[in-house]
Amino acid sequence: SGSCEVKTCWWAQPDFRAIGDYLKDKYDSASEMVVEKHRESRGWVETLRAKYALFKPPTERDLVYYENSPNFCEPNPETGLFGTRDRTCNVTSHGIDGCDLLCCGRGHNTRTEKRKEKCHCIF
């Protein structure tokens, strides 16, 4: 008689939160690049170079960008952005719905409402 042993290995996807945190870290430390055009034997070639020589050059695993994001705070009909003016924000939140971020440093007005509604309650 003999025995068989099977061993199966596979890669598991990391926790979704861990992936998000990793990407956020990459985004926060992304390197700004400049597109340079130069002529080679096969024609014009575009290459990227770090905009700021004082910073260490990005590695293959770093996130880079060559255009700044649009200003989401102000309306821009060309890009279809409505801006954030007159949006409702959450005073107690430090997230994307919070007044500090959503109001783009313009400040915000607080409004307290008192409502009287029929609740159709049965006692």
C-alpha atoms as a PDB file:
ATOM      1  CA  SER A   1       0.000   0.000   0.000  1.00  0.00           C
ATOM      2  CA  GLY A   2       1.117   3.542  -0.655  1.00  0.00           C
ATOM      3  CA  SER A   3      -0.018   7.035   0.121  1.00  0.00           C
ATOM      4  CA  CYS A   4      -0.690   9.999  -2.112  1.00  0.00           C
ATOM      5  CA  GLU A   5      -0.263  13.564  -1.095  1.00  0.00           C
ATOM      6  CA  VAL A   6      -1.515  16.481  -3.123  1.00  0.00           C
ATOM      7  CA  LYS A   7      -0.450  20.024  -2.453  1.00  0.00           C
ATOM      8  CA  THR A   8      -2.188  22.872  -4.255  1.00  0.00           C
ATOM      9  CA  CYS A   9      -0.937  26.441  -4.117  1.00  0.00           C
ATOM     10  CA  TRP A  10      -2.519  29.577  -5.544  1.00  0.00           C
ATOM     11  CA  TRP A  11      -2.259  33.294  -5.217  1.00  0.00           C
ATOM     12  CA  ALA A  12      -4.997  34.970  -3.208  1.00  0.00           C
ATOM     13  CA  GLN A  13      -6.132  38.513  -3.855  1.00  0.00           C
ATOM     14  CA  PRO A  14      -5.262  40.864  -0.974  1.00  0.00           C
ATOM     15  CA  ASP A  15      -7.984  42.501   1.072  1.00  0.00           C
ATOM     16  CA  PHE A  16      -9.803  45.228  -0.908  1.00  0.00           C
ATOM     17  CA  ARG A  17      -8.951  47.839   1.755  1.00  0.00           C
ATOM     18  CA  ALA A  18      -5.252  46.919   1.496  1.00  0.00           C
ATOM     19  CA  ILE A  19      -5.353  47.434  -2.276  1.00  0.00           C
ATOM     20  CA  GLY A  20      -7.046  50.818  -1.843  1.00  0.00           C
ATOM     21  CA  ASP A  21      -4.505  51.922   0.769  1.00  0.00           C
ATOM     22  CA  TYR A  22      -1.641  50.822  -1.494  1.00  0.00           C
ATOM     23  CA  LEU A  23      -3.032  52.749  -4.478  1.00  0.00           C
ATOM     24  CA  LYS A  24      -3.670  55.842  -2.321  1.00  0.00           C
ATOM     25  CA  ASP A  25      -0.038  55.776  -1.147  1.00  0.00           C
ATOM     26  CA  LYS A  26       1.105  55.520  -4.777  1.00  0.00           C
ATOM     27  CA  TYR A  27      -1.199  58.398  -5.756  1.00  0.00           C
ATOM     28  CA  ASP A  28       0.059  60.600  -2.905  1.00  0.00           C
ATOM     29  CA  SER A  29       3.696  60.055  -3.916  1.00  0.00           C
ATOM     30  CA  ALA A  30       3.251  60.167  -7.713  1.00  0.00           C
ATOM     31  CA  SER A  31       6.015  61.866  -9.718  1.00  0.00           C
ATOM     32  CA  GLU A  32       5.254  64.670 -12.154  1.00  0.00           C
ATOM     33  CA  MET A  33       6.835  64.078 -15.551  1.00  0.00           C
ATOM     34  CA  VAL A  34       7.562  66.174 -18.636  1.00  0.00           C
ATOM     35  CA  VAL A  35       7.054  64.875 -22.173  1.00  0.00           C
ATOM     36  CA  GLU A  36      10.119  65.502 -24.326  1.00  0.00           C
ATOM     37  CA  LYS A  37      10.152  65.043 -28.098  1.00  0.00           C
ATOM     38  CA  HIS A  38      13.375  64.232 -29.899  1.00  0.00           C
ATOM     39  CA  ARG A  39      14.289  62.980 -33.333  1.00  0.00           C
ATOM     40  CA  GLU A  40      15.674  59.511 -33.856  1.00  0.00           C
ATOM     41  CA  SER A  41      16.334  57.466 -36.981  1.00  0.00           C
ATOM     42  CA  ARG A  42      12.765  56.129 -36.894  1.00  0.00           C
ATOM     43  CA  GLY A  43      11.210  59.603 -36.544  1.00  0.00           C
ATOM     44  CA  TRP A  44      10.038  61.716 -33.619  1.00  0.00           C
ATOM     45  CA  VAL A  45       9.992  59.916 -30.276  1.00  0.00           C
ATOM     46  CA  GLU A  46       8.353  61.070 -27.053  1.00  0.00           C
ATOM     47  CA  THR A  47       9.946  60.205 -23.730  1.00  0.00           C
ATOM     48  CA  LEU A  48       9.101  61.082 -20.148  1.00  0.00           C
ATOM     49  CA  ARG A  49      11.556  62.732 -17.788  1.00  0.00           C
ATOM     50  CA  ALA A  50      11.049  63.739 -14.152  1.00  0.00           C
ATOM     51  CA  LYS A  51      10.026  67.402 -13.944  1.00  0.00           C
ATOM     52  CA  TYR A  52      12.053  68.014 -10.790  1.00  0.00           C
ATOM     53  CA  ALA A  53      15.636  66.750 -10.940  1.00  0.00           C
ATOM     54  CA  LEU A  54      16.036  67.160  -7.153  1.00  0.00           C
ATOM     55  CA  PHE A  55      13.650  64.271  -6.481  1.00  0.00           C
ATOM     56  CA  LYS A  56      14.706  60.689  -6.986  1.00  0.00           C
ATOM     57  CA  PRO A  57      13.643  59.345 -10.369  1.00  0.00           C
ATOM     58  CA  PRO A  58      10.559  57.123 -10.342  1.00  0.00           C
ATOM     59  CA  THR A  59      10.934  53.368 -10.494  1.00  0.00           C
ATOM     60  CA  GLU A  60       8.893  51.004 -12.657  1.00  0.00           C
ATOM     61  CA  ARG A  61       6.533  50.483  -9.715  1.00  0.00           C
ATOM     62  CA  ASP A  62       5.912  54.193  -9.049  1.00  0.00           C
ATOM     63  CA  LEU A  63       2.912  56.111 -10.319  1.00  0.00           C
ATOM     64  CA  VAL A  64       3.693  59.013 -12.673  1.00  0.00           C
ATOM     65  CA  TYR A  65       1.629  61.722 -14.365  1.00  0.00           C
ATOM     66  CA  TYR A  66       2.287  64.387 -16.990  1.00  0.00           C
ATOM     67  CA  GLU A  67      -0.940  66.406 -16.808  1.00  0.00           C
ATOM     68  CA  ASN A  68      -2.464  67.972 -13.725  1.00  0.00           C
ATOM     69  CA  SER A  69      -6.011  67.016 -12.830  1.00  0.00           C
ATOM     70  CA  PRO A  70      -8.695  69.585 -13.592  1.00  0.00           C
ATOM     71  CA  ASN A  71      -9.908  71.861 -10.816  1.00  0.00           C
ATOM     72  CA  PHE A  72     -13.020  70.019  -9.661  1.00  0.00           C
ATOM     73  CA  CYS A  73     -13.972  72.921  -7.366  1.00  0.00           C
ATOM     74  CA  GLU A  74     -14.906  75.338 -10.147  1.00  0.00           C
ATOM     75  CA  PRO A  75     -17.385  74.745 -12.993  1.00  0.00           C
ATOM     76  CA  ASN A  76     -15.891  74.048 -16.410  1.00  0.00           C
ATOM     77  CA  PRO A  77     -18.372  73.655 -19.289  1.00  0.00           C
ATOM     78  CA  GLU A  78     -15.592  72.396 -21.614  1.00  0.00           C
ATOM     79  CA  THR A  79     -15.024  69.318 -19.466  1.00  0.00           C
ATOM     80  CA  GLY A  80     -18.582  69.019 -18.162  1.00  0.00           C
ATOM     81  CA  LEU A  81     -17.578  69.746 -14.553  1.00  0.00           C
ATOM     82  CA  PHE A  82     -20.233  71.424 -12.420  1.00  0.00           C
ATOM     83  CA  GLY A  83     -17.957  72.448  -9.538  1.00  0.00           C
ATOM     84  CA  THR A  84     -18.839  72.072  -5.871  1.00  0.00           C
ATOM     85  CA  ARG A  85     -20.507  75.414  -5.101  1.00  0.00           C
ATOM     86  CA  ASP A  86     -23.935  75.082  -3.390  1.00  0.00           C
ATOM     87  CA  ARG A  87     -23.421  71.377  -2.719  1.00  0.00           C
ATOM     88  CA  THR A  88     -24.574  69.908   0.592  1.00  0.00           C
ATOM     89  CA  CYS A  89     -21.657  68.834   2.774  1.00  0.00           C
ATOM     90  CA  ASN A  90     -21.316  66.875   6.011  1.00  0.00           C
ATOM     91  CA  VAL A  91     -19.876  69.097   8.771  1.00  0.00           C
ATOM     92  CA  THR A  92     -18.722  66.138  10.886  1.00  0.00           C
ATOM     93  CA  SER A  93     -17.079  64.155   8.071  1.00  0.00           C
ATOM     94  CA  HIS A  94     -13.378  64.203   7.201  1.00  0.00           C
ATOM     95  CA  GLY A  95     -14.081  62.207   4.008  1.00  0.00           C
ATOM     96  CA  ILE A  96     -14.952  63.297   0.492  1.00  0.00           C
ATOM     97  CA  ASP A  97     -18.395  64.479   1.615  1.00  0.00           C
ATOM     98  CA  GLY A  98     -16.900  66.694   4.355  1.00  0.00           C
ATOM     99  CA  CYS A  99     -17.154  70.474   4.182  1.00  0.00           C
ATOM    100  CA  ASP A 100     -13.370  71.010   4.353  1.00  0.00           C
ATOM    101  CA  LEU A 101     -12.779  69.068   1.150  1.00  0.00           C
ATOM    102  CA  LEU A 102     -16.032  69.634  -0.727  1.00  0.00           C
ATOM    103  CA  CYS A 103     -16.090  73.418  -0.217  1.00  0.00           C
ATOM    104  CA  CYS A 104     -12.499  73.807  -1.483  1.00  0.00           C
ATOM    105  CA  GLY A 105     -11.503  76.261   1.253  1.00  0.00           C
ATOM    106  CA  ARG A 106     -14.322  78.714   0.430  1.00  0.00           C
ATOM    107  CA  GLY A 107     -16.018  78.188   3.779  1.00  0.00           C
ATOM    108  CA  HIS A 108     -19.573  76.990   4.236  1.00  0.00           C
ATOM    109  CA  ASN A 109     -22.895  78.112   5.658  1.00  0.00           C
ATOM    110  CA  THR A 110     -24.672  76.049   8.280  1.00  0.00           C
ATOM    111  CA  ARG A 111     -28.441  75.900   8.125  1.00  0.00           C
ATOM    112  CA  THR A 112     -30.621  74.340  10.801  1.00  0.00           C
ATOM    113  CA  GLU A 113     -34.094  73.254   9.794  1.00  0.00           C
ATOM    114  CA  LYS A 114     -36.991  72.394  12.035  1.00  0.00           C
ATOM    115  CA  ARG A 115     -39.602  70.274  10.315  1.00  0.00           C
ATOM    116  CA  LYS A 116     -43.049  69.257  11.400  1.00  0.00           C
ATOM    117  CA  GLU A 117     -44.352  66.211   9.582  1.00  0.00           C
ATOM    118  CA  LYS A 118     -47.247  63.870  10.081  1.00  0.00           C
ATOM    119  CA  CYS A 119     -45.867  60.472  10.874  1.00  0.00           C
ATOM    120  CA  HIS A 120     -49.064  58.435  10.424  1.00  0.00           C
ATOM    121  CA  CYS A 121     -48.283  56.696  13.690  1.00  0.00           C
ATOM    122  CA  ILE A 122     -50.754  54.303  15.300  1.00  0.00           C
ATOM    123  CA  PHE A 123     -50.719  54.008  19.089  1.00  0.00           C
END
